Amino acid sequence: MKKFINKYENLIEEMVEGYVLANSDKVKRLPTERVLAYSNAPIQGKVGVITGGGSGHKPAFIGYIGKGLLDTVAVGDIFAAPPVQRCYEAIKAADGGKGVLVCIGNYSGDTMNFGMAAELAQDEGIPVEILVVNDDVASSPKDRMDNRRGVAGEVVLWKMMGALAQEGADLATLKEVGNRTIFNTRSLGVAHTPCIMPSSGKPSFQIGDDEMEIGVGHHGEPGIQRTKLMSADEVTTLITQKILEDLPFGAGDEVSVLMSGLGSTSLLEMYICYRKLHQILTDHQITIHRNYIGEFFTSMEMGGFSITLTKLDEDLKRLIDAPCDGVHLIQH
């Protein structure tokens, strides 16, 4: 295993320390817990928008702290949910008197721990609502969408909810628009190499040198199809068609596109794939309203990428276009 780390047991603590030092104009750390917060949080009179999850997905989750984005993030260990107390402290630190919206992926540890934390906060009089993202079309059939994983679609939700909270919307409105965003968002990824787990020095999954896996999860969960390595056009076509069929997306739709590398896929490769994606959507008479291409939700140094499409209405177009000033995402 080749990684620039010191002792594994200090991995997350040293990462958090470096992150805060590098971004002290936007981010602060709670003194009692491994929770990072926007430097101005809590903001009185605004719904707090928060998330949390395992480390190893940088820039998710902490990269989206900032104005018009997330107020606090509970930081877990590598691919592990943050504990209940940490989630609870993240909720409290985001409360500006109008309640807190928790936006998390559909993973058992995250939903359980944030659910328990929300109950603790509600017992103290803090209104809390939870949105669970389930955008990964590979992880369960369409008739069992509640079982689907949350992947890069979480980034889209954080952007939308951060913008809506910044506008001054109440908690009930955020939940309604958030559920609409989740339903309109679909993702699918592909990987050809695993990441190496720093705790063990072993790969997160095994795959042949000439193989790739469609639908592999961000933690190495099995996908839906393992094949020989395809060309950029072939794999982009395969992924895009599966996404389009799932909502389904159709002629006249306007969408946002988020193409996220999984850790070691170059921008050169992603722009080649985006070229094909743009062609496919144009052929389907689907308009790309906004695109994001880069590393937004990774899996350490896994080789691969994911595509996320969100069908936009007028509300969602306004929110995806809204200015924000985060560590990883700055939009004027």
C-alpha atoms as a PDB file:
ATOM      1  CA  MET A   1       0.000   0.000   0.000  1.00  0.00           C
ATOM      2  CA  LYS A   2       1.317   3.428  -0.966  1.00  0.00           C
ATOM      3  CA  LYS A   3      -0.300   6.335   0.867  1.00  0.00           C
ATOM      4  CA  PHE A   4       1.060   9.521   2.360  1.00  0.00           C
ATOM      5  CA  ILE A   5      -0.178   9.036   5.909  1.00  0.00           C
ATOM      6  CA  ASN A   6       1.383   8.809   9.343  1.00  0.00           C
ATOM      7  CA  LYS A   7      -0.197   6.388  11.815  1.00  0.00           C
ATOM      8  CA  TYR A   8      -3.555   4.968  10.760  1.00  0.00           C
ATOM      9  CA  GLU A   9      -5.062   5.659  14.180  1.00  0.00           C
ATOM     10  CA  ASN A  10      -4.389   9.396  13.648  1.00  0.00           C
ATOM     11  CA  LEU A  11      -5.640   9.491  10.061  1.00  0.00           C
ATOM     12  CA  ILE A  12      -8.987  11.261  10.503  1.00  0.00           C
ATOM     13  CA  GLU A  13      -7.838  13.569  13.280  1.00  0.00           C
ATOM     14  CA  GLU A  14      -4.885  14.820  11.236  1.00  0.00           C
ATOM     15  CA  MET A  15      -7.053  15.223   8.147  1.00  0.00           C
ATOM     16  CA  VAL A  16      -9.594  17.290  10.095  1.00  0.00           C
ATOM     17  CA  GLU A  17      -6.842  19.424  11.613  1.00  0.00           C
ATOM     18  CA  GLY A  18      -5.311  20.126   8.210  1.00  0.00           C
ATOM     19  CA  TYR A  19      -8.686  20.837   6.631  1.00  0.00           C
ATOM     20  CA  VAL A  20      -9.630  23.431   9.233  1.00  0.00           C
ATOM     21  CA  LEU A  21      -6.219  25.078   8.984  1.00  0.00           C
ATOM     22  CA  ALA A  22      -6.540  25.260   5.207  1.00  0.00           C
ATOM     23  CA  ASN A  23     -10.078  26.674   5.257  1.00  0.00           C
ATOM     24  CA  SER A  24     -10.281  28.672   8.472  1.00  0.00           C
ATOM     25  CA  ASP A  25     -12.076  31.524   6.694  1.00  0.00           C
ATOM     26  CA  LYS A  26     -15.094  29.270   6.088  1.00  0.00           C
ATOM     27  CA  VAL A  27     -14.868  26.356   8.509  1.00  0.00           C
ATOM     28  CA  LYS A  28     -14.577  25.920  12.251  1.00  0.00           C
ATOM     29  CA  ARG A  29     -14.504  22.850  14.464  1.00  0.00           C
ATOM     30  CA  LEU A  30     -16.654  22.195  17.507  1.00  0.00           C
ATOM     31  CA  PRO A  31     -14.457  21.905  20.610  1.00  0.00           C
ATOM     32  CA  THR A  32     -16.251  18.828  21.975  1.00  0.00           C
ATOM     33  CA  GLU A  33     -16.844  16.646  18.925  1.00  0.00           C
ATOM     34  CA  ARG A  34     -15.483  15.825  15.475  1.00  0.00           C
ATOM     35  CA  VAL A  35     -18.001  18.162  13.874  1.00  0.00           C
ATOM     36  CA  LEU A  36     -17.107  20.824  11.319  1.00  0.00           C
ATOM     37  CA  ALA A  37     -19.292  23.903  10.897  1.00  0.00           C
ATOM     38  CA  TYR A  38     -19.630  26.945   8.698  1.00  0.00           C
ATOM     39  CA  SER A  39     -17.727  29.785  10.334  1.00  0.00           C
ATOM     40  CA  ASN A  40     -20.959  31.811  10.770  1.00  0.00           C
ATOM     41  CA  ALA A  41     -23.104  28.938  12.046  1.00  0.00           C
ATOM     42  CA  PRO A  42     -25.598  28.861  13.598  1.00  0.00           C
ATOM     43  CA  ILE A  43     -27.344  31.541  11.576  1.00  0.00           C
ATOM     44  CA  GLN A  44     -30.310  32.940  13.440  1.00  0.00           C
ATOM     45  CA  GLY A  45     -33.612  32.829  11.564  1.00  0.00           C
ATOM     46  CA  LYS A  46     -32.407  30.279   8.987  1.00  0.00           C
ATOM     47  CA  VAL A  47     -33.079  26.551   8.845  1.00  0.00           C
ATOM     48  CA  GLY A  48     -29.845  24.677   9.468  1.00  0.00           C
ATOM     49  CA  VAL A  49     -28.864  22.229   6.713  1.00  0.00           C
ATOM     50  CA  ILE A  50     -26.537  19.434   7.764  1.00  0.00           C
ATOM     51  CA  THR A  51     -25.124  16.080   6.748  1.00  0.00           C
ATOM     52  CA  GLY A  52     -22.574  13.551   7.843  1.00  0.00           C
ATOM     53  CA  GLY A  53     -20.979  10.305   6.848  1.00  0.00           C
ATOM     54  CA  GLY A  54     -17.798   8.364   6.551  1.00  0.00           C
ATOM     55  CA  SER A  55     -14.497   9.839   5.509  1.00  0.00           C
ATOM     56  CA  GLY A  56     -12.866   8.603   2.317  1.00  0.00           C
ATOM     57  CA  HIS A  57     -15.296  10.375  -0.014  1.00  0.00           C
ATOM     58  CA  LYS A  58     -13.550  13.759  -0.199  1.00  0.00           C
ATOM     59  CA  PRO A  59     -14.599  16.390  -1.025  1.00  0.00           C
ATOM     60  CA  ALA A  60     -17.854  14.955   0.332  1.00  0.00           C
ATOM     61  CA  PHE A  61     -19.016  15.668   2.921  1.00  0.00           C
ATOM     62  CA  ILE A  62     -16.988  18.492   4.427  1.00  0.00           C
ATOM     63  CA  GLY A  63     -16.225  20.170   1.107  1.00  0.00           C
ATOM     64  CA  TYR A  64     -19.775  21.495   0.907  1.00  0.00           C
ATOM     65  CA  ILE A  65     -19.739  23.572   4.081  1.00  0.00           C
ATOM     66  CA  GLY A  66     -20.339  27.245   3.392  1.00  0.00           C
ATOM     67  CA  LYS A  67     -22.781  30.009   2.546  1.00  0.00           C
ATOM     68  CA  GLY A  68     -25.738  28.682   0.600  1.00  0.00           C
ATOM     69  CA  LEU A  69     -24.657  25.100   1.318  1.00  0.00           C
ATOM     70  CA  LEU A  70     -24.181  23.057   4.504  1.00  0.00           C
ATOM     71  CA  ASP A  71     -24.042  24.491   8.020  1.00  0.00           C
ATOM     72  CA  THR A  72     -22.493  21.500   9.814  1.00  0.00           C
ATOM     73  CA  VAL A  73     -21.073  18.061   9.047  1.00  0.00           C
ATOM     74  CA  ALA A  74     -20.555  15.135  11.412  1.00  0.00           C
ATOM     75  CA  VAL A  75     -17.319  13.397  10.394  1.00  0.00           C
ATOM     76  CA  GLY A  76     -17.084   9.595  10.558  1.00  0.00           C
ATOM     77  CA  ASP A  77     -14.135   7.263  10.184  1.00  0.00           C
ATOM     78  CA  ILE A  78     -13.248   5.778   6.778  1.00  0.00           C
ATOM     79  CA  PHE A  79     -16.518   4.564   5.220  1.00  0.00           C
ATOM     80  CA  ALA A  80     -18.176   4.553   8.676  1.00  0.00           C
ATOM     81  CA  ALA A  81     -21.161   6.488  10.008  1.00  0.00           C
ATOM     82  CA  PRO A  82     -20.501   9.122  12.671  1.00  0.00           C
ATOM     83  CA  PRO A  83     -21.714   8.065  16.138  1.00  0.00           C
ATOM     84  CA  VAL A  84     -24.991   9.306  17.615  1.00  0.00           C
ATOM     85  CA  GLN A  85     -23.448  11.912  19.922  1.00  0.00           C
ATOM     86  CA  ARG A  86     -21.548  13.470  17.032  1.00  0.00           C
ATOM     87  CA  CYS A  87     -24.699  13.631  14.904  1.00  0.00           C
ATOM     88  CA  TYR A  88     -26.548  15.202  17.831  1.00  0.00           C
ATOM     89  CA  GLU A  89     -23.870  17.873  18.286  1.00  0.00           C
ATOM     90  CA  ALA A  90     -23.995  18.626  14.551  1.00  0.00           C
ATOM     91  CA  ILE A  91     -27.758  19.193  14.771  1.00  0.00           C
ATOM     92  CA  LYS A  92     -27.443  21.480  17.794  1.00  0.00           C
ATOM     93  CA  ALA A  93     -24.615  23.478  16.215  1.00  0.00           C
ATOM     94  CA  ALA A  94     -26.760  24.218  13.139  1.00  0.00           C
ATOM     95  CA  ASP A  95     -29.901  25.311  14.990  1.00  0.00           C
ATOM     96  CA  GLY A  96     -30.632  28.995  14.460  1.00  0.00           C
ATOM     97  CA  GLY A  97     -34.139  28.816  15.880  1.00  0.00           C
ATOM     98  CA  LYS A  98     -35.947  27.609  12.750  1.00  0.00           C
ATOM     99  CA  GLY A  99     -35.123  23.918  12.931  1.00  0.00           C
ATOM    100  CA  VAL A 100     -32.642  21.665  11.208  1.00  0.00           C
ATOM    101  CA  LEU A 101     -32.822  19.615   8.003  1.00  0.00           C
ATOM    102  CA  VAL A 102     -30.637  16.490   7.940  1.00  0.00           C
ATOM    103  CA  CYS A 103     -29.675  15.351   4.417  1.00  0.00           C
ATOM    104  CA  ILE A 104     -28.010  11.918   4.345  1.00  0.00           C
ATOM    105  CA  GLY A 105     -27.452   8.915   2.118  1.00  0.00           C
ATOM    106  CA  ASN A 106     -29.435   5.717   2.495  1.00  0.00           C
ATOM    107  CA  TYR A 107     -27.015   3.692   4.620  1.00  0.00           C
ATOM    108  CA  SER A 108     -28.095   1.850   7.750  1.00  0.00           C
ATOM    109  CA  GLY A 109     -25.511   3.387  10.072  1.00  0.00           C
ATOM    110  CA  ASP A 110     -26.200   6.940   8.945  1.00  0.00           C
ATOM    111  CA  THR A 111     -29.988   6.630   9.067  1.00  0.00           C
ATOM    112  CA  MET A 112     -29.933   4.914  12.458  1.00  0.00           C
ATOM    113  CA  ASN A 113     -27.489   7.279  14.145  1.00  0.00           C
ATOM    114  CA  PHE A 114     -28.954  10.477  12.748  1.00  0.00           C
ATOM    115  CA  GLY A 115     -32.442   9.187  13.540  1.00  0.00           C
ATOM    116  CA  MET A 116     -31.512   8.694  17.183  1.00  0.00           C
ATOM    117  CA  ALA A 117     -29.755  12.058  17.270  1.00  0.00           C
ATOM    118  CA  ALA A 118     -32.823  13.763  15.813  1.00  0.00           C
ATOM    119  CA  GLU A 119     -34.959  12.303  18.589  1.00  0.00           C
ATOM    120  CA  LEU A 120     -32.567  13.681  21.205  1.00  0.00           C
ATOM    121  CA  ALA A 121     -32.688  17.117  19.601  1.00  0.00           C
ATOM    122  CA  GLN A 122     -36.464  17.052  19.284  1.00  0.00           C
ATOM    123  CA  ASP A 123     -36.708  16.231  22.995  1.00  0.00           C
ATOM    124  CA  GLU A 124     -34.886  19.527  23.581  1.00  0.00           C
ATOM    125  CA  GLY A 125     -37.365  21.434  21.423  1.00  0.00           C
ATOM    126  CA  ILE A 126     -35.364  21.587  18.169  1.00  0.00           C
ATOM    127  CA  PRO A 127     -37.534  20.762  15.127  1.00  0.00           C
ATOM    128  CA  VAL A 128     -35.692  18.254  12.936  1.00  0.00           C
ATOM    129  CA  GLU A 129     -36.579  16.685   9.602  1.00  0.00           C
ATOM    130  CA  ILE A 130     -34.541  14.034   7.784  1.00  0.00           C
ATOM    131  CA  LEU A 131     -34.193  13.547   4.038  1.00  0.00           C
ATOM    132  CA  VAL A 132     -32.661  10.269   2.831  1.00  0.00           C
ATOM    133  CA  VAL A 133     -31.127  10.234  -0.649  1.00  0.00           C
ATOM    134  CA  ASN A 134     -31.585   7.061  -2.737  1.00  0.00           C
ATOM    135  CA  ASP A 135     -30.385   7.989  -6.217  1.00  0.00           C
ATOM    136  CA  ASP A 136     -28.303   4.885  -7.102  1.00  0.00           C
ATOM    137  CA  VAL A 137     -30.380   3.027  -9.713  1.00  0.00           C
ATOM    138  CA  ALA A 138     -28.096  -0.022  -9.564  1.00  0.00           C
ATOM    139  CA  SER A 139     -28.621  -0.853  -5.925  1.00  0.00           C
ATOM    140  CA  SER A 140     -32.271  -1.936  -6.032  1.00  0.00           C
ATOM    141  CA  PRO A 141     -35.116  -2.292  -8.565  1.00  0.00           C
ATOM    142  CA  LYS A 142     -37.375   0.672  -9.260  1.00  0.00           C
ATOM    143  CA  ASP A 143     -40.254  -0.902  -7.341  1.00  0.00           C
ATOM    144  CA  ARG A 144     -38.044  -0.947  -4.226  1.00  0.00           C
ATOM    145  CA  MET A 145     -36.538   2.516  -4.451  1.00  0.00           C
ATOM    146  CA  ASP A 146     -36.483   2.880  -0.669  1.00  0.00           C
ATOM    147  CA  ASN A 147     -33.678   0.300  -0.623  1.00  0.00           C
ATOM    148  CA  ARG A 148     -31.448   2.226  -3.022  1.00  0.00           C
ATOM    149  CA  ARG A 149     -28.166   3.729  -1.864  1.00  0.00           C
ATOM    150  CA  GLY A 150     -27.460   7.430  -1.826  1.00  0.00           C
ATOM    151  CA  VAL A 151     -24.436   8.390  -3.914  1.00  0.00           C
ATOM    152  CA  ALA A 152     -23.465  11.595  -5.743  1.00  0.00           C
ATOM    153  CA  GLY A 153     -27.085  12.742  -5.782  1.00  0.00           C
ATOM    154  CA  GLU A 154     -26.439  13.848  -2.205  1.00  0.00           C
ATOM    155  CA  VAL A 155     -24.330  16.709  -3.595  1.00  0.00           C
ATOM    156  CA  VAL A 156     -27.295  17.919  -5.655  1.00  0.00           C
ATOM    157  CA  LEU A 157     -29.558  17.851  -2.595  1.00  0.00           C
ATOM    158  CA  TRP A 158     -27.029  19.756  -0.455  1.00  0.00           C
ATOM    159  CA  LYS A 159     -26.837  22.452  -3.146  1.00  0.00           C
ATOM    160  CA  MET A 160     -30.614  22.746  -3.492  1.00  0.00           C
ATOM    161  CA  MET A 161     -31.382  22.736   0.240  1.00  0.00           C
ATOM    162  CA  GLY A 162     -28.574  25.131   1.081  1.00  0.00           C
ATOM    163  CA  ALA A 163     -29.910  27.595  -1.480  1.00  0.00           C
ATOM    164  CA  LEU A 164     -33.508  27.270  -0.295  1.00  0.00           C
ATOM    165  CA  ALA A 165     -32.537  27.741   3.352  1.00  0.00           C
ATOM    166  CA  GLN A 166     -30.496  30.793   2.352  1.00  0.00           C
ATOM    167  CA  GLU A 167     -33.660  32.242   0.789  1.00  0.00           C
ATOM    168  CA  GLY A 168     -35.383  31.965   4.177  1.00  0.00           C
ATOM    169  CA  ALA A 169     -37.752  29.074   3.466  1.00  0.00           C
ATOM    170  CA  ASP A 170     -39.172  27.201   6.452  1.00  0.00           C
ATOM    171  CA  LEU A 171     -38.449  23.599   7.400  1.00  0.00           C
ATOM    172  CA  ALA A 172     -41.657  22.203   5.880  1.00  0.00           C
ATOM    173  CA  THR A 173     -40.891  23.843   2.527  1.00  0.00           C
ATOM    174  CA  LEU A 174     -37.350  22.497   2.548  1.00  0.00           C
ATOM    175  CA  LYS A 175     -38.631  18.985   3.164  1.00  0.00           C
ATOM    176  CA  GLU A 176     -41.182  19.200   0.348  1.00  0.00           C
ATOM    177  CA  VAL A 177     -38.741  20.562  -2.220  1.00  0.00           C
ATOM    178  CA  GLY A 178     -36.052  18.183  -0.963  1.00  0.00           C
ATOM    179  CA  ASN A 179     -38.262  15.154  -1.545  1.00  0.00           C
ATOM    180  CA  ARG A 180     -38.977  16.426  -5.061  1.00  0.00           C
ATOM    181  CA  THR A 181     -35.244  16.809  -5.690  1.00  0.00           C
ATOM    182  CA  ILE A 182     -34.541  13.275  -4.477  1.00  0.00           C
ATOM    183  CA  PHE A 183     -37.283  11.757  -6.633  1.00  0.00           C
ATOM    184  CA  ASN A 184     -36.050  13.619  -9.718  1.00  0.00           C
ATOM    185  CA  THR A 185     -32.418  12.526  -9.250  1.00  0.00           C
ATOM    186  CA  ARG A 186     -30.867   9.340 -10.626  1.00  0.00           C
ATOM    187  CA  SER A 187     -27.234   8.157 -10.585  1.00  0.00           C
ATOM    188  CA  LEU A 188     -25.167   5.257 -11.836  1.00  0.00           C
ATOM    189  CA  GLY A 189     -21.433   4.623 -11.660  1.00  0.00           C
ATOM    190  CA  VAL A 190     -18.729   2.367 -13.035  1.00  0.00           C
ATOM    191  CA  ALA A 191     -15.359   1.312 -11.631  1.00  0.00           C
ATOM    192  CA  HIS A 192     -12.388  -0.565 -13.060  1.00  0.00           C
ATOM    193  CA  THR A 193     -10.080  -0.495 -10.024  1.00  0.00           C
ATOM    194  CA  PRO A 194     -10.805  -0.572  -6.275  1.00  0.00           C
ATOM    195  CA  CYS A 195      -9.466   1.701  -3.595  1.00  0.00           C
ATOM    196  CA  ILE A 196      -7.008   0.447  -0.991  1.00  0.00           C
ATOM    197  CA  MET A 197      -8.318   0.513   2.563  1.00  0.00           C
ATOM    198  CA  PRO A 198      -5.784   2.300   4.800  1.00  0.00           C
ATOM    199  CA  SER A 199      -6.775   0.183   7.798  1.00  0.00           C
ATOM    200  CA  SER A 200      -5.806  -3.115   6.148  1.00  0.00           C
ATOM    201  CA  GLY A 201      -3.821  -2.242   3.030  1.00  0.00           C
ATOM    202  CA  LYS A 202      -6.232  -4.426   1.053  1.00  0.00           C
ATOM    203  CA  PRO A 203      -8.462  -3.476  -1.910  1.00  0.00           C
ATOM    204  CA  SER A 204     -12.127  -2.729  -1.265  1.00  0.00           C
ATOM    205  CA  PHE A 205     -13.076  -5.365  -3.875  1.00  0.00           C
ATOM    206  CA  GLN A 206     -11.406  -7.668  -6.392  1.00  0.00           C
ATOM    207  CA  ILE A 207     -11.616  -7.148 -10.140  1.00  0.00           C
ATOM    208  CA  GLY A 208      -9.596  -8.323 -13.124  1.00  0.00           C
ATOM    209  CA  ASP A 209      -7.107  -6.065 -14.885  1.00  0.00           C
ATOM    210  CA  ASP A 210      -9.265  -6.080 -18.031  1.00  0.00           C
ATOM    211  CA  GLU A 211     -12.641  -5.803 -16.277  1.00  0.00           C
ATOM    212  CA  MET A 212     -15.021  -3.102 -15.068  1.00  0.00           C
ATOM    213  CA  GLU A 213     -18.139  -3.201 -12.914  1.00  0.00           C
ATOM    214  CA  ILE A 214     -21.323  -1.271 -13.627  1.00  0.00           C
ATOM    215  CA  GLY A 215     -23.137  -0.030 -10.537  1.00  0.00           C
ATOM    216  CA  VAL A 216     -20.376  -0.641  -8.008  1.00  0.00           C
ATOM    217  CA  GLY A 217     -21.003   1.178  -4.726  1.00  0.00           C
ATOM    218  CA  HIS A 218     -18.879   3.911  -3.196  1.00  0.00           C
ATOM    219  CA  HIS A 219     -17.630   1.436  -0.596  1.00  0.00           C
ATOM    220  CA  GLY A 220     -17.018  -1.377  -3.062  1.00  0.00           C
ATOM    221  CA  GLU A 221     -20.519  -2.862  -2.874  1.00  0.00           C
ATOM    222  CA  PRO A 222     -21.274  -5.218  -5.789  1.00  0.00           C
ATOM    223  CA  GLY A 223     -22.782  -3.730  -8.919  1.00  0.00           C
ATOM    224  CA  ILE A 224     -25.216  -5.144 -11.451  1.00  0.00           C
ATOM    225  CA  GLN A 225     -22.885  -6.168 -14.268  1.00  0.00           C
ATOM    226  CA  ARG A 226     -19.217  -7.082 -14.607  1.00  0.00           C
ATOM    227  CA  THR A 227     -17.828  -6.915 -18.140  1.00  0.00           C
ATOM    228  CA  LYS A 228     -14.627  -6.508 -20.080  1.00  0.00           C
ATOM    229  CA  LEU A 229     -13.390  -2.935 -20.119  1.00  0.00           C
ATOM    230  CA  MET A 230     -15.369  -0.841 -22.609  1.00  0.00           C
ATOM    231  CA  SER A 231     -14.476   2.308 -24.513  1.00  0.00           C
ATOM    232  CA  ALA A 232     -15.494   5.709 -23.136  1.00  0.00           C
ATOM    233  CA  ASP A 233     -18.394   5.994 -25.590  1.00  0.00           C
ATOM    234  CA  GLU A 234     -19.618   2.463 -24.878  1.00  0.00           C
ATOM    235  CA  VAL A 235     -19.645   2.766 -21.098  1.00  0.00           C
ATOM    236  CA  THR A 236     -21.157   6.259 -21.159  1.00  0.00           C
ATOM    237  CA  THR A 237     -23.941   5.043 -23.430  1.00  0.00           C
ATOM    238  CA  LEU A 238     -24.657   2.046 -21.214  1.00  0.00           C
ATOM    239  CA  ILE A 239     -24.812   4.128 -18.017  1.00  0.00           C
ATOM    240  CA  THR A 240     -26.814   6.974 -19.518  1.00  0.00           C
ATOM    241  CA  GLN A 241     -29.453   4.728 -21.056  1.00  0.00           C
ATOM    242  CA  LYS A 242     -30.045   2.966 -17.727  1.00  0.00           C
ATOM    243  CA  ILE A 243     -30.468   6.326 -15.985  1.00  0.00           C
ATOM    244  CA  LEU A 244     -32.794   7.721 -18.645  1.00  0.00           C
ATOM    245  CA  GLU A 245     -35.034   4.663 -18.488  1.00  0.00           C
ATOM    246  CA  ASP A 246     -35.341   4.766 -14.727  1.00  0.00           C
ATOM    247  CA  LEU A 247     -37.209   8.034 -14.037  1.00  0.00           C
ATOM    248  CA  PRO A 248     -37.854   8.054 -16.999  1.00  0.00           C
ATOM    249  CA  PHE A 249     -36.333  11.185 -18.535  1.00  0.00           C
ATOM    250  CA  GLY A 250     -37.809  12.304 -21.839  1.00  0.00           C
ATOM    251  CA  ALA A 251     -37.966  14.850 -24.620  1.00  0.00           C
ATOM    252  CA  GLY A 252     -38.429  18.392 -23.380  1.00  0.00           C
ATOM    253  CA  ASP A 253     -36.867  17.770 -19.964  1.00  0.00           C
ATOM    254  CA  GLU A 254     -34.255  20.102 -18.573  1.00  0.00           C
ATOM    255  CA  VAL A 255     -31.594  18.512 -16.373  1.00  0.00           C
ATOM    256  CA  SER A 256     -28.520  19.198 -14.340  1.00  0.00           C
ATOM    257  CA  VAL A 257     -25.592  16.861 -14.934  1.00  0.00           C
ATOM    258  CA  LEU A 258     -23.069  15.919 -12.286  1.00  0.00           C
ATOM    259  CA  MET A 259     -20.212  13.733 -13.503  1.00  0.00           C
ATOM    260  CA  SER A 260     -18.041  12.758 -10.549  1.00  0.00           C
ATOM    261  CA  GLY A 261     -14.737  10.958 -10.642  1.00  0.00           C
ATOM    262  CA  LEU A 262     -14.336   8.276  -7.991  1.00  0.00           C
ATOM    263  CA  GLY A 263     -10.806   9.296  -7.015  1.00  0.00           C
ATOM    264  CA  SER A 264      -8.271   8.475  -9.703  1.00  0.00           C
ATOM    265  CA  THR A 265     -10.059   9.112 -12.989  1.00  0.00           C
ATOM    266  CA  SER A 266      -8.587  12.031 -14.893  1.00  0.00           C
ATOM    267  CA  LEU A 267     -10.519  15.039 -16.117  1.00  0.00           C
ATOM    268  CA  LEU A 268      -9.270  14.164 -19.589  1.00  0.00           C
ATOM    269  CA  GLU A 269     -11.254  10.914 -19.440  1.00  0.00           C
ATOM    270  CA  MET A 270     -14.327  12.549 -17.928  1.00  0.00           C
ATOM    271  CA  TYR A 271     -14.517  15.212 -20.624  1.00  0.00           C
ATOM    272  CA  ILE A 272     -14.387  12.462 -23.260  1.00  0.00           C
ATOM    273  CA  CYS A 273     -17.309  10.772 -21.493  1.00  0.00           C
ATOM    274  CA  TYR A 274     -19.193  14.066 -21.079  1.00  0.00           C
ATOM    275  CA  ARG A 275     -18.890  14.612 -24.841  1.00  0.00           C
ATOM    276  CA  LYS A 276     -20.802  11.381 -25.405  1.00  0.00           C
ATOM    277  CA  LEU A 277     -23.310  12.117 -22.643  1.00  0.00           C
ATOM    278  CA  HIS A 278     -24.073  15.503 -24.200  1.00  0.00           C
ATOM    279  CA  GLN A 279     -24.635  13.835 -27.575  1.00  0.00           C
ATOM    280  CA  ILE A 280     -27.013  11.245 -26.091  1.00  0.00           C
ATOM    281  CA  LEU A 281     -29.082  13.838 -24.223  1.00  0.00           C
ATOM    282  CA  THR A 282     -29.255  16.045 -27.313  1.00  0.00           C
ATOM    283  CA  ASP A 283     -30.483  13.088 -29.355  1.00  0.00           C
ATOM    284  CA  HIS A 284     -33.216  12.544 -26.716  1.00  0.00           C
ATOM    285  CA  GLN A 285     -34.147  16.267 -26.875  1.00  0.00           C
ATOM    286  CA  ILE A 286     -33.122  16.717 -23.249  1.00  0.00           C
ATOM    287  CA  THR A 287     -31.564  20.090 -22.417  1.00  0.00           C
ATOM    288  CA  ILE A 288     -28.605  20.380 -20.057  1.00  0.00           C
ATOM    289  CA  HIS A 289     -29.315  23.425 -17.894  1.00  0.00           C
ATOM    290  CA  ARG A 290     -26.136  23.180 -15.791  1.00  0.00           C
ATOM    291  CA  ASN A 291     -23.231  20.755 -15.578  1.00  0.00           C
ATOM    292  CA  TYR A 292     -20.647  19.878 -12.953  1.00  0.00           C
ATOM    293  CA  ILE A 293     -17.635  17.792 -14.002  1.00  0.00           C
ATOM    294  CA  GLY A 294     -14.872  16.794 -11.597  1.00  0.00           C
ATOM    295  CA  GLU A 295     -14.434  15.033  -8.281  1.00  0.00           C
ATOM    296  CA  PHE A 296     -17.477  15.664  -6.099  1.00  0.00           C
ATOM    297  CA  PHE A 297     -18.065  12.363  -4.278  1.00  0.00           C
ATOM    298  CA  THR A 298     -15.140   9.945  -4.406  1.00  0.00           C
ATOM    299  CA  SER A 299     -14.113   6.600  -2.946  1.00  0.00           C
ATOM    300  CA  MET A 300     -10.508   7.143  -1.890  1.00  0.00           C
ATOM    301  CA  GLU A 301      -8.555   6.399  -5.106  1.00  0.00           C
ATOM    302  CA  MET A 302     -11.079   4.128  -6.842  1.00  0.00           C
ATOM    303  CA  GLY A 303     -10.858   4.236 -10.629  1.00  0.00           C
ATOM    304  CA  GLY A 304     -14.155   5.121 -12.263  1.00  0.00           C
ATOM    305  CA  PHE A 305     -16.871   7.758 -12.402  1.00  0.00           C
ATOM    306  CA  SER A 306     -20.573   8.272 -11.877  1.00  0.00           C
ATOM    307  CA  ILE A 307     -23.234  10.194 -13.765  1.00  0.00           C
ATOM    308  CA  THR A 308     -26.074  11.959 -11.948  1.00  0.00           C
ATOM    309  CA  LEU A 309     -29.041  13.505 -13.733  1.00  0.00           C
ATOM    310  CA  THR A 310     -31.640  15.667 -11.994  1.00  0.00           C
ATOM    311  CA  LYS A 311     -34.847  16.640 -13.781  1.00  0.00           C
ATOM    312  CA  LEU A 312     -35.417  20.337 -13.125  1.00  0.00           C
ATOM    313  CA  ASP A 313     -38.566  22.381 -12.737  1.00  0.00           C
ATOM    314  CA  GLU A 314     -38.554  26.184 -12.326  1.00  0.00           C
ATOM    315  CA  ASP A 315     -37.963  25.969  -8.564  1.00  0.00           C
ATOM    316  CA  LEU A 316     -35.091  23.528  -8.915  1.00  0.00           C
ATOM    317  CA  LYS A 317     -33.510  25.560 -11.732  1.00  0.00           C
ATOM    318  CA  ARG A 318     -33.501  28.611  -9.473  1.00  0.00           C
ATOM    319  CA  LEU A 319     -31.914  26.682  -6.633  1.00  0.00           C
ATOM    320  CA  ILE A 320     -29.239  24.933  -8.701  1.00  0.00           C
ATOM    321  CA  ASP A 321     -28.307  28.335 -10.171  1.00  0.00           C
ATOM    322  CA  ALA A 322     -28.219  30.156  -6.818  1.00  0.00           C
ATOM    323  CA  PRO A 323     -24.879  31.568  -5.664  1.00  0.00           C
ATOM    324  CA  CYS A 324     -22.939  29.683  -3.010  1.00  0.00           C
ATOM    325  CA  ASP A 325     -19.566  29.969  -1.368  1.00  0.00           C
ATOM    326  CA  GLY A 326     -18.281  26.671  -0.053  1.00  0.00           C
ATOM    327  CA  VAL A 327     -14.890  25.096   0.293  1.00  0.00           C
ATOM    328  CA  HIS A 328     -15.249  22.887  -2.790  1.00  0.00           C
ATOM    329  CA  LEU A 329     -18.185  24.512  -4.568  1.00  0.00           C
ATOM    330  CA  ILE A 330     -18.169  28.236  -5.337  1.00  0.00           C
ATOM    331  CA  GLN A 331     -20.857  29.619  -7.620  1.00  0.00           C
ATOM    332  CA  HIS A 332     -21.495  33.283  -8.373  1.00  0.00           C
END
